[in-house]
């Protein structure tokens, strides 16, 4: 009888631990999908603002609540613009399910919103005819000349290291649905201070 009672207590304790772990995993997934998500920067296209291997916190609240993007927002995007992202894409992107590097995700700065005209001329960037002041750039001059009209439900993004960045000049306009979230904190920068 004493052995049976001890067995029941042990089984009950194990079951409670399993429940607590399952609830924690579900809560962590929910937080990562809908509130905030840590992301590791890969590459040097956002220098000097972000360095290779920096860790940043991306807010998913704007995506969850369909809030508007603003000029200058640093966003994580899915560069596969020929397809619409699904919740399954977001789940696959979570670190607990994907230990491999995800080459489809890029981090860039929002330069143009729907309806904007973006021009590159004379080594500078213009939005709707006005020269942009961009103190965050690695190099002030941009190569080439081009003009872009941002379509509805899309944004135009560029890296801060303009002469070494795969961005809207290469991959095209980014559907707003392909934006995973907006950077709210550079954890690595805080640790360097």
Protein backbone atom coordinates (compact mmCIF):
# COMPACT_ATOMS: atom_id res chain seq x y z
CA UNK A 1 0.00 0.00 0.00
CA UNK A 2 2.85 2.40 0.84
CA UNK A 3 4.61 1.53 -2.43
CA UNK A 4 1.41 2.19 -4.40
CA UNK A 5 0.94 5.56 -2.68
CA UNK A 6 4.55 6.59 -3.41
CA UNK A 7 4.12 5.47 -7.04
CA UNK A 8 0.94 7.58 -7.40
CA UNK A 9 2.70 10.63 -5.91
CA UNK A 10 5.66 10.21 -8.25
CA UNK A 11 3.39 9.75 -11.27
CA UNK A 12 1.40 12.83 -10.29
CA UNK A 13 4.61 14.90 -9.91
CA UNK A 14 5.91 13.74 -13.32
CA UNK A 15 2.56 14.57 -14.95
CA UNK A 16 2.61 18.08 -13.38
CA UNK A 17 6.15 18.65 -14.71
CA UNK A 18 5.11 17.52 -18.20
CA UNK A 19 2.13 19.89 -18.08
CA UNK A 20 4.35 22.79 -16.96
CA UNK A 21 6.92 22.12 -19.72
CA UNK A 22 4.20 21.81 -22.39
CA UNK A 23 2.57 25.05 -21.23
CA UNK A 24 5.97 26.82 -21.26
CA UNK A 25 6.70 25.65 -24.82
CA UNK A 26 3.25 26.76 -26.03
CA UNK A 27 3.68 30.14 -24.33
CA UNK A 28 7.17 30.60 -25.84
CA UNK A 29 5.85 29.80 -29.33
CA UNK A 30 2.93 32.22 -28.86
CA UNK A 31 5.26 35.01 -27.71
CA UNK A 32 7.63 34.42 -30.65
CA UNK A 33 4.82 34.31 -33.21
CA UNK A 34 2.74 37.27 -32.05
CA UNK A 35 4.68 39.53 -29.64
CA UNK A 36 8.51 39.54 -29.91
CA UNK A 37 11.16 37.36 -31.48
CA UNK A 38 14.96 37.31 -31.22
CA UNK A 39 16.75 37.39 -34.58
CA UNK A 40 20.44 37.06 -35.45
CA UNK A 41 21.78 39.45 -38.11
CA UNK A 42 23.65 37.71 -40.91
CA UNK A 43 25.95 39.71 -43.16
CA UNK A 44 27.12 43.29 -43.37
CA UNK A 45 24.35 44.94 -45.38
CA UNK A 46 23.11 46.96 -42.38
CA UNK A 47 26.52 48.29 -41.29
CA UNK A 48 27.18 50.51 -39.40
CA UNK A 49 23.77 50.27 -37.68
CA UNK A 50 23.93 46.48 -37.21
CA UNK A 51 26.95 44.21 -37.31
CA UNK A 52 27.23 40.61 -38.55
CA UNK A 53 26.05 38.20 -35.80
CA UNK A 54 24.29 40.92 -33.77
CA UNK A 55 21.18 39.77 -31.92
CA UNK A 56 18.14 42.01 -32.18
CA UNK A 57 14.62 41.86 -30.80
CA UNK A 58 11.90 42.13 -33.42
CA UNK A 59 8.42 43.27 -32.43
CA UNK A 60 5.69 41.16 -34.00
CA UNK A 61 2.90 43.31 -32.52
CA UNK A 62 2.72 45.61 -35.57
CA UNK A 63 2.30 42.56 -37.81
CA UNK A 64 -0.21 40.96 -35.43
CA UNK A 65 -2.33 44.12 -35.12
CA UNK A 66 -1.81 45.29 -38.73
CA UNK A 67 -0.16 48.56 -37.66
CA UNK A 68 1.33 50.90 -40.25
CA UNK A 69 5.02 50.92 -41.04
CA UNK A 70 7.04 54.14 -40.84
CA UNK A 71 9.97 55.51 -42.83
CA UNK A 72 13.21 54.36 -41.27
CA UNK A 73 11.78 51.28 -39.56
CA UNK A 74 14.27 48.40 -39.56
CA UNK A 75 12.34 45.29 -40.53
CA UNK A 76 12.92 41.59 -41.00
CA UNK A 77 11.59 40.50 -44.38
CA UNK A 78 11.10 37.28 -46.29
CA UNK A 79 12.79 37.89 -49.63
CA UNK A 80 10.64 35.26 -51.41
CA UNK A 81 8.31 37.92 -52.81
CA UNK A 82 6.66 35.56 -55.29
CA UNK A 83 4.71 33.82 -52.52
CA UNK A 84 2.58 34.85 -49.57
CA UNK A 85 3.90 33.98 -46.11
CA UNK A 86 1.81 31.74 -43.91
CA UNK A 87 1.73 30.96 -40.21
CA UNK A 88 3.65 27.77 -41.07
CA UNK A 89 6.51 29.93 -42.43
CA UNK A 90 6.57 31.82 -39.13
CA UNK A 91 6.64 28.56 -37.15
CA UNK A 92 9.46 27.17 -39.31
CA UNK A 93 11.47 30.37 -38.73
CA UNK A 94 11.44 29.91 -34.94
CA UNK A 95 14.85 29.00 -33.56
CA UNK A 96 13.54 25.98 -31.67
CA UNK A 97 12.46 24.37 -34.94
CA UNK A 98 15.15 25.72 -37.26
CA UNK A 99 18.78 25.48 -36.21
CA UNK A 100 20.00 26.12 -39.77
CA UNK A 101 20.60 29.64 -41.05
CA UNK A 102 17.60 31.01 -42.93
CA UNK A 103 18.85 32.68 -46.11
CA UNK A 104 15.32 33.79 -47.02
CA UNK A 105 15.13 36.29 -44.16
CA UNK A 106 16.81 39.68 -44.50
CA UNK A 107 16.95 42.73 -42.23
CA UNK A 108 16.59 46.11 -43.99
CA UNK A 109 15.39 49.69 -43.53
CA UNK A 110 12.02 50.91 -44.89
CA UNK A 111 12.70 53.72 -47.37
CA UNK A 112 9.50 53.84 -49.43
CA UNK A 113 5.85 53.21 -48.60
CA UNK A 114 3.00 52.51 -51.06
CA UNK A 115 2.70 55.27 -53.67
CA UNK A 116 6.18 56.74 -53.09
CA UNK A 117 8.62 57.44 -55.89
CA UNK A 118 12.19 56.50 -54.98
CA UNK A 119 15.04 57.82 -57.12
CA UNK A 120 18.74 57.14 -57.06
CA UNK A 121 20.65 59.88 -58.86
CA UNK A 122 23.85 61.84 -58.48
CA UNK A 123 24.99 59.36 -55.80
CA UNK A 124 22.05 60.28 -53.54
CA UNK A 125 18.59 58.98 -52.64
CA UNK A 126 15.38 60.94 -53.22
CA UNK A 127 11.86 60.13 -52.01
CA UNK A 128 9.06 61.95 -53.84
CA UNK A 129 11.61 64.43 -55.18
CA UNK A 130 13.15 65.29 -51.79
CA UNK A 131 16.74 64.43 -50.92
CA UNK A 132 16.86 62.09 -47.92
CA UNK A 133 19.15 62.93 -45.01
CA UNK A 134 20.52 59.57 -43.87
CA UNK A 135 23.13 59.92 -41.12
CA UNK A 136 23.06 56.15 -40.48
CA UNK A 137 24.70 55.19 -43.81
CA UNK A 138 28.09 53.49 -44.05
CA UNK A 139 28.91 55.37 -47.28
CA UNK A 140 27.10 58.50 -48.40
CA UNK A 141 27.33 57.82 -52.14
CA UNK A 142 25.24 55.23 -53.96
CA UNK A 143 26.21 53.77 -57.30
CA UNK A 144 23.91 53.79 -60.33
CA UNK A 145 20.78 55.62 -61.32
CA UNK A 146 17.23 54.31 -61.08
CA UNK A 147 13.66 55.27 -60.34
CA UNK A 148 11.06 53.12 -58.54
CA UNK A 149 7.32 53.61 -58.00
CA UNK A 150 6.27 51.65 -54.89
CA UNK A 151 3.05 49.70 -55.60
CA UNK A 152 0.09 49.35 -53.27
CA UNK A 153 0.59 46.90 -50.35
CA UNK A 154 4.39 46.92 -50.83
CA UNK A 155 7.42 48.72 -49.40
CA UNK A 156 10.85 49.62 -50.75
CA UNK A 157 13.72 48.60 -48.46
CA UNK A 158 17.46 49.26 -48.52
CA UNK A 159 20.40 48.21 -46.39
CA UNK A 160 22.45 50.88 -44.61
CA UNK A 161 25.56 49.56 -46.38
CA UNK A 162 24.02 50.54 -49.72
CA UNK A 163 26.90 49.47 -51.92
CA UNK A 164 26.90 45.95 -50.41
CA UNK A 165 23.24 45.07 -49.87
CA UNK A 166 20.70 42.72 -51.41
CA UNK A 167 17.56 44.83 -51.12
CA UNK A 168 14.64 46.16 -53.18
CA UNK A 169 17.02 47.23 -55.93
CA UNK A 170 17.79 43.54 -56.50
CA UNK A 171 14.81 41.51 -55.22
CA UNK A 172 12.06 44.03 -55.93
CA UNK A 173 9.32 45.59 -53.84
CA UNK A 174 8.49 43.73 -50.62
CA UNK A 175 4.85 42.78 -50.03
CA UNK A 176 3.77 44.04 -46.61
CA UNK A 177 2.69 40.44 -45.83
CA UNK A 178 6.35 39.40 -46.18
CA UNK A 179 7.44 41.60 -43.28
CA UNK A 180 7.96 39.50 -40.14
CA UNK A 181 8.36 42.40 -37.74
CA UNK A 182 10.09 45.63 -36.79
CA UNK A 183 13.34 45.82 -34.83
CA UNK A 184 12.87 47.38 -31.40
CA UNK A 185 16.19 46.57 -29.68
CA UNK A 186 19.77 45.75 -30.65
CA UNK A 187 20.77 43.46 -27.78
CA UNK A 188 24.37 43.13 -29.00
CA UNK A 189 24.83 46.92 -29.01
CA UNK A 190 23.69 47.07 -25.38
CA UNK A 191 26.17 44.35 -24.45
CA UNK A 192 29.03 46.18 -26.24
CA UNK A 193 28.44 49.37 -24.20
